[in-house]
């Protein structure tokens, strides 16, 4: 048989911890506004201390909810100091995301 229905190859080694982490990242990135927020923060030279809501056509409260999902997944770090908010992408989490997606693609070979 050819293609996707060919006979099974080698043994499969599950990676439950990695799968859980990748699924968490994917869930956090499962909305286009969250991807846009992540791209916006990546384009900044340093932590962004302005209003991210100004970058999207959605309410500030909705942006806060999206940031909460990104922070919960560990992709974004944020600090609130009185009225000032500062957000940036966690480079270690981003590197892990890249590694996990790369590992997923390597499994398909």
N, C-alpha and C. Protein backbone atom coordinates (compact mmCIF):
# COMPACT_ATOMS: atom_id res chain seq x y z
N UNK A 1 0.83 -1.19 0.00
CA UNK A 1 0.00 0.00 0.00
C UNK A 1 0.87 1.24 0.00
N UNK A 2 0.30 2.35 -0.50
CA UNK A 2 1.04 3.61 -0.59
C UNK A 2 0.44 4.67 0.33
N UNK A 3 1.20 5.75 0.49
CA UNK A 3 0.69 6.93 1.19
C UNK A 3 0.41 6.71 2.65
N UNK A 4 -0.71 7.28 3.10
CA UNK A 4 -1.02 7.25 4.53
C UNK A 4 -1.48 5.88 4.99
N UNK A 5 -1.80 5.01 4.11
CA UNK A 5 -2.29 3.68 4.49
C UNK A 5 -1.23 2.61 4.40
N UNK A 6 0.03 3.00 4.31
CA UNK A 6 1.09 2.01 4.24
C UNK A 6 1.21 1.31 5.59
N UNK A 7 1.86 0.18 5.58
CA UNK A 7 1.99 -0.59 6.81
C UNK A 7 2.81 0.18 7.83
N UNK A 8 2.55 -0.13 9.10
CA UNK A 8 3.20 0.57 10.20
C UNK A 8 4.71 0.39 10.12
N UNK A 9 5.41 1.44 10.54
CA UNK A 9 6.86 1.42 10.55
C UNK A 9 7.39 1.00 11.91
N UNK A 10 8.33 1.78 12.44
CA UNK A 10 8.99 1.47 13.70
C UNK A 10 8.09 1.68 14.91
N UNK A 11 8.66 1.44 16.05
CA UNK A 11 7.94 1.58 17.31
C UNK A 11 7.66 3.05 17.60
N UNK A 12 6.53 3.31 18.23
CA UNK A 12 6.13 4.66 18.61
C UNK A 12 6.46 4.88 20.07
N UNK A 13 7.14 5.99 20.33
CA UNK A 13 7.48 6.34 21.71
C UNK A 13 6.69 7.59 22.09
N UNK A 14 5.74 7.43 22.99
CA UNK A 14 4.92 8.56 23.43
C UNK A 14 5.71 9.54 24.28
N UNK A 15 5.30 10.77 24.27
CA UNK A 15 5.94 11.83 25.06
C UNK A 15 4.85 12.65 25.74
N UNK A 16 4.18 12.10 26.76
CA UNK A 16 3.02 12.76 27.35
C UNK A 16 3.30 14.16 27.90
N UNK A 17 4.45 14.37 28.52
CA UNK A 17 4.75 15.70 29.08
C UNK A 17 4.91 16.73 27.96
N UNK A 18 5.63 16.34 26.92
CA UNK A 18 5.82 17.24 25.78
C UNK A 18 4.49 17.49 25.07
N UNK A 19 3.69 16.45 24.93
CA UNK A 19 2.39 16.59 24.27
C UNK A 19 1.50 17.55 25.03
N UNK A 20 1.51 17.45 26.36
CA UNK A 20 0.68 18.34 27.18
C UNK A 20 1.14 19.80 27.03
N UNK A 21 2.43 20.01 27.04
CA UNK A 21 2.95 21.38 26.91
C UNK A 21 2.64 21.95 25.53
N UNK A 22 2.83 21.15 24.49
CA UNK A 22 2.52 21.59 23.13
C UNK A 22 1.04 21.90 22.99
N UNK A 23 0.18 21.06 23.56
CA UNK A 23 -1.26 21.30 23.50
C UNK A 23 -1.61 22.60 24.21
N UNK A 24 -0.95 22.90 25.32
CA UNK A 24 -1.19 24.17 26.02
C UNK A 24 -0.80 25.37 25.18
N UNK A 25 0.33 25.27 24.51
CA UNK A 25 0.76 26.35 23.62
C UNK A 25 -0.25 26.51 22.47
N UNK A 26 -0.65 25.38 21.89
CA UNK A 26 -1.58 25.43 20.75
C UNK A 26 -2.92 26.04 21.17
N UNK A 27 -3.39 25.69 22.35
CA UNK A 27 -4.64 26.25 22.85
C UNK A 27 -4.51 27.76 23.02
N UNK A 28 -3.38 28.20 23.58
CA UNK A 28 -3.16 29.62 23.78
C UNK A 28 -3.08 30.37 22.45
N UNK A 29 -2.59 29.72 21.42
CA UNK A 29 -2.45 30.35 20.11
C UNK A 29 -3.65 30.04 19.21
N UNK A 30 -4.70 29.50 19.78
CA UNK A 30 -5.86 29.07 19.01
C UNK A 30 -6.81 30.17 18.60
N UNK A 31 -6.44 31.41 18.79
CA UNK A 31 -7.27 32.54 18.36
C UNK A 31 -6.38 33.52 17.59
N UNK A 32 -6.85 34.00 16.45
CA UNK A 32 -6.02 34.91 15.64
C UNK A 32 -5.56 36.16 16.38
N UNK A 33 -6.37 36.69 17.29
CA UNK A 33 -5.94 37.88 18.03
C UNK A 33 -4.77 37.57 18.95
N UNK A 34 -4.73 36.36 19.49
CA UNK A 34 -3.60 35.98 20.35
C UNK A 34 -2.33 35.84 19.53
N UNK A 35 -2.45 35.29 18.34
CA UNK A 35 -1.29 35.19 17.45
C UNK A 35 -0.82 36.60 17.09
N UNK A 36 -1.75 37.50 16.82
CA UNK A 36 -1.40 38.89 16.48
C UNK A 36 -0.69 39.55 17.66
N UNK A 37 -1.21 39.35 18.87
CA UNK A 37 -0.58 39.93 20.06
C UNK A 37 0.84 39.40 20.20
N UNK A 38 1.03 38.10 20.02
CA UNK A 38 2.36 37.51 20.13
C UNK A 38 3.30 38.08 19.07
N UNK A 39 2.82 38.19 17.83
CA UNK A 39 3.65 38.77 16.76
C UNK A 39 4.01 40.22 17.07
N UNK A 40 3.03 40.97 17.58
CA UNK A 40 3.27 42.37 17.93
C UNK A 40 4.35 42.47 18.99
N UNK A 41 4.23 41.65 20.04
CA UNK A 41 5.22 41.70 21.12
C UNK A 41 6.60 41.27 20.63
N UNK A 42 6.65 40.30 19.73
CA UNK A 42 7.93 39.87 19.18
C UNK A 42 8.60 40.97 18.36
N UNK A 43 7.80 41.82 17.75
CA UNK A 43 8.34 42.89 16.92
C UNK A 43 8.90 44.05 17.74
N UNK A 44 8.62 44.07 19.02
CA UNK A 44 9.11 45.15 19.88
C UNK A 44 10.57 44.90 20.23
N UNK A 45 11.31 45.94 20.42
CA UNK A 45 12.73 45.82 20.77
C UNK A 45 12.92 45.47 22.25
N UNK A 46 11.92 45.74 23.06
CA UNK A 46 11.97 45.47 24.50
C UNK A 46 10.55 45.20 24.96
N UNK A 47 10.39 45.04 26.26
CA UNK A 47 9.04 44.85 26.77
C UNK A 47 8.17 46.05 26.38
N UNK A 48 6.95 45.76 26.00
CA UNK A 48 6.04 46.80 25.54
C UNK A 48 5.26 47.34 26.74
N UNK A 49 5.33 48.64 26.95
CA UNK A 49 4.69 49.24 28.11
C UNK A 49 3.50 50.10 27.73
N UNK A 50 3.01 49.94 26.52
CA UNK A 50 1.86 50.73 26.09
C UNK A 50 0.58 49.91 26.14
N UNK A 51 -0.44 50.43 25.49
CA UNK A 51 -1.72 49.74 25.42
C UNK A 51 -1.76 48.85 24.18
N UNK A 52 -1.74 47.57 24.40
CA UNK A 52 -1.80 46.62 23.28
C UNK A 52 -3.15 46.72 22.58
N UNK A 53 -4.17 47.13 23.32
CA UNK A 53 -5.51 47.27 22.73
C UNK A 53 -5.51 48.25 21.58
N UNK A 54 -4.58 49.19 21.58
CA UNK A 54 -4.50 50.15 20.47
C UNK A 54 -4.06 49.48 19.17
N UNK A 55 -3.52 48.27 19.26
CA UNK A 55 -3.03 47.55 18.10
C UNK A 55 -4.08 46.65 17.45
N UNK A 56 -5.21 46.46 18.13
CA UNK A 56 -6.25 45.55 17.66
C UNK A 56 -7.61 46.24 17.64
N UNK A 57 -8.49 45.81 16.75
CA UNK A 57 -9.82 46.42 16.69
C UNK A 57 -10.80 45.75 17.68
N UNK A 58 -10.33 45.53 18.92
CA UNK A 58 -11.18 44.90 19.93
C UNK A 58 -11.04 45.67 21.24
N UNK A 59 -11.97 45.44 22.14
CA UNK A 59 -11.98 46.14 23.42
C UNK A 59 -10.77 45.77 24.28
N UNK A 60 -10.36 46.71 25.11
CA UNK A 60 -9.22 46.48 25.99
C UNK A 60 -9.47 45.29 26.92
N UNK A 61 -10.69 45.11 27.36
CA UNK A 61 -11.00 43.98 28.25
C UNK A 61 -10.80 42.65 27.53
N UNK A 62 -11.10 42.62 26.24
CA UNK A 62 -10.90 41.40 25.45
C UNK A 62 -9.42 41.13 25.26
N UNK A 63 -8.65 42.19 25.03
CA UNK A 63 -7.19 42.04 24.91
C UNK A 63 -6.63 41.49 26.22
N UNK A 64 -7.14 41.96 27.33
CA UNK A 64 -6.68 41.46 28.64
C UNK A 64 -6.96 39.97 28.77
N UNK A 65 -8.12 39.53 28.32
CA UNK A 65 -8.44 38.11 28.37
C UNK A 65 -7.47 37.30 27.51
N UNK A 66 -7.19 37.81 26.29
CA UNK A 66 -6.25 37.12 25.40
C UNK A 66 -4.86 37.07 26.03
N UNK A 67 -4.42 38.18 26.62
CA UNK A 67 -3.12 38.21 27.29
C UNK A 67 -3.09 37.20 28.44
N UNK A 68 -4.20 37.06 29.12
CA UNK A 68 -4.28 36.09 30.20
C UNK A 68 -4.03 34.68 29.72
N UNK A 69 -4.60 34.34 28.57
CA UNK A 69 -4.38 33.00 28.00
C UNK A 69 -2.91 32.81 27.62
N UNK A 70 -2.32 33.83 27.02
CA UNK A 70 -0.91 33.75 26.63
C UNK A 70 0.01 33.66 27.85
N UNK A 71 -0.34 34.41 28.90
CA UNK A 71 0.45 34.36 30.13
C UNK A 71 0.30 33.01 30.82
N UNK A 72 -0.92 32.47 30.86
CA UNK A 72 -1.17 31.18 31.49
C UNK A 72 -0.37 30.08 30.82
N UNK A 73 -0.23 30.16 29.50
CA UNK A 73 0.56 29.17 28.75
C UNK A 73 2.05 29.39 28.92
N UNK A 74 2.43 30.56 29.45
CA UNK A 74 3.84 30.86 29.65
C UNK A 74 4.52 31.53 28.48
N UNK A 75 3.76 31.86 27.45
CA UNK A 75 4.35 32.49 26.26
C UNK A 75 4.66 33.97 26.47
N UNK A 76 3.88 34.61 27.33
CA UNK A 76 4.03 36.04 27.57
C UNK A 76 4.25 36.28 29.05
N UNK A 77 5.16 37.19 29.34
CA UNK A 77 5.37 37.64 30.72
C UNK A 77 4.79 39.04 30.82
N UNK A 78 4.23 39.35 31.96
CA UNK A 78 3.67 40.67 32.14
C UNK A 78 3.75 41.12 33.57
N UNK A 79 3.91 42.41 33.72
CA UNK A 79 3.95 43.01 35.05
C UNK A 79 3.01 44.20 35.06
N UNK A 80 2.36 44.38 36.18
CA UNK A 80 1.51 45.54 36.37
C UNK A 80 2.08 46.32 37.54
N UNK A 81 2.43 47.57 37.29
CA UNK A 81 2.98 48.44 38.33
C UNK A 81 2.11 49.68 38.36
N UNK A 82 1.06 49.64 39.18
CA UNK A 82 0.10 50.74 39.20
C UNK A 82 -0.62 50.80 37.87
N UNK A 83 -0.66 51.96 37.25
CA UNK A 83 -1.33 52.07 35.95
C UNK A 83 -0.49 51.57 34.78
N UNK A 84 0.78 51.29 35.04
CA UNK A 84 1.71 50.88 33.98
C UNK A 84 1.70 49.36 33.83
N UNK A 85 1.59 48.91 32.59
CA UNK A 85 1.66 47.48 32.27
C UNK A 85 2.81 47.27 31.30
N UNK A 86 3.52 46.18 31.50
CA UNK A 86 4.64 45.88 30.62
C UNK A 86 4.56 44.41 30.24
N UNK A 87 4.58 44.13 28.93
CA UNK A 87 4.46 42.76 28.44
C UNK A 87 5.59 42.45 27.47
N UNK A 88 6.04 41.19 27.52
CA UNK A 88 7.02 40.73 26.55
C UNK A 88 6.88 39.22 26.39
N UNK A 89 7.42 38.72 25.29
CA UNK A 89 7.40 37.28 25.01
C UNK A 89 8.50 36.63 25.83
N UNK A 90 8.20 35.48 26.41
CA UNK A 90 9.21 34.72 27.13
C UNK A 90 10.03 33.95 26.10
N UNK A 91 11.30 34.32 25.91
CA UNK A 91 12.11 33.68 24.87
C UNK A 91 12.32 32.19 25.10
N UNK A 92 12.38 31.76 26.35
CA UNK A 92 12.57 30.33 26.62
C UNK A 92 11.32 29.54 26.23
N UNK A 93 10.15 30.10 26.50
CA UNK A 93 8.90 29.43 26.12
C UNK A 93 8.78 29.38 24.60
N UNK A 94 9.16 30.46 23.93
CA UNK A 94 9.10 30.48 22.48
C UNK A 94 10.05 29.45 21.88
N UNK A 95 11.24 29.31 22.45
CA UNK A 95 12.20 28.31 21.98
C UNK A 95 11.65 26.90 22.21
N UNK A 96 11.00 26.69 23.35
CA UNK A 96 10.40 25.39 23.62
C UNK A 96 9.28 25.09 22.63
N UNK A 97 8.45 26.08 22.34
CA UNK A 97 7.39 25.90 21.35
C UNK A 97 7.98 25.49 20.01
N UNK A 98 9.02 26.17 19.59
CA UNK A 98 9.67 25.85 18.32
C UNK A 98 10.23 24.42 18.35
N UNK A 99 10.84 24.05 19.45
CA UNK A 99 11.40 22.69 19.59
C UNK A 99 10.29 21.64 19.54
N UNK A 100 9.19 21.89 20.25
CA UNK A 100 8.09 20.91 20.29
C UNK A 100 7.42 20.75 18.93
N UNK A 101 7.23 21.86 18.23
CA UNK A 101 6.64 21.76 16.90
C UNK A 101 7.61 21.05 15.95
N UNK A 102 8.89 21.36 16.07
CA UNK A 102 9.90 20.68 15.26
C UNK A 102 9.91 19.19 15.53
N UNK A 103 9.78 18.80 16.80
CA UNK A 103 9.73 17.39 17.15
C UNK A 103 8.50 16.71 16.60
N UNK A 104 7.39 17.42 16.57
CA UNK A 104 6.17 16.88 16.00
C UNK A 104 6.34 16.63 14.51
N UNK A 105 6.95 17.57 13.84
CA UNK A 105 7.19 17.43 12.40
C UNK A 105 8.20 16.30 12.12
N UNK A 106 9.17 16.14 12.99
CA UNK A 106 10.17 15.08 12.81
C UNK A 106 9.53 13.71 12.96
N UNK A 107 8.48 13.61 13.78
CA UNK A 107 7.77 12.35 13.96
C UNK A 107 7.09 11.92 12.68
N UNK A 108 6.71 12.87 11.85
CA UNK A 108 5.98 12.57 10.62
C UNK A 108 6.86 12.01 9.51
N UNK A 109 8.15 12.06 9.68
CA UNK A 109 9.07 11.60 8.62
C UNK A 109 9.17 10.12 8.56
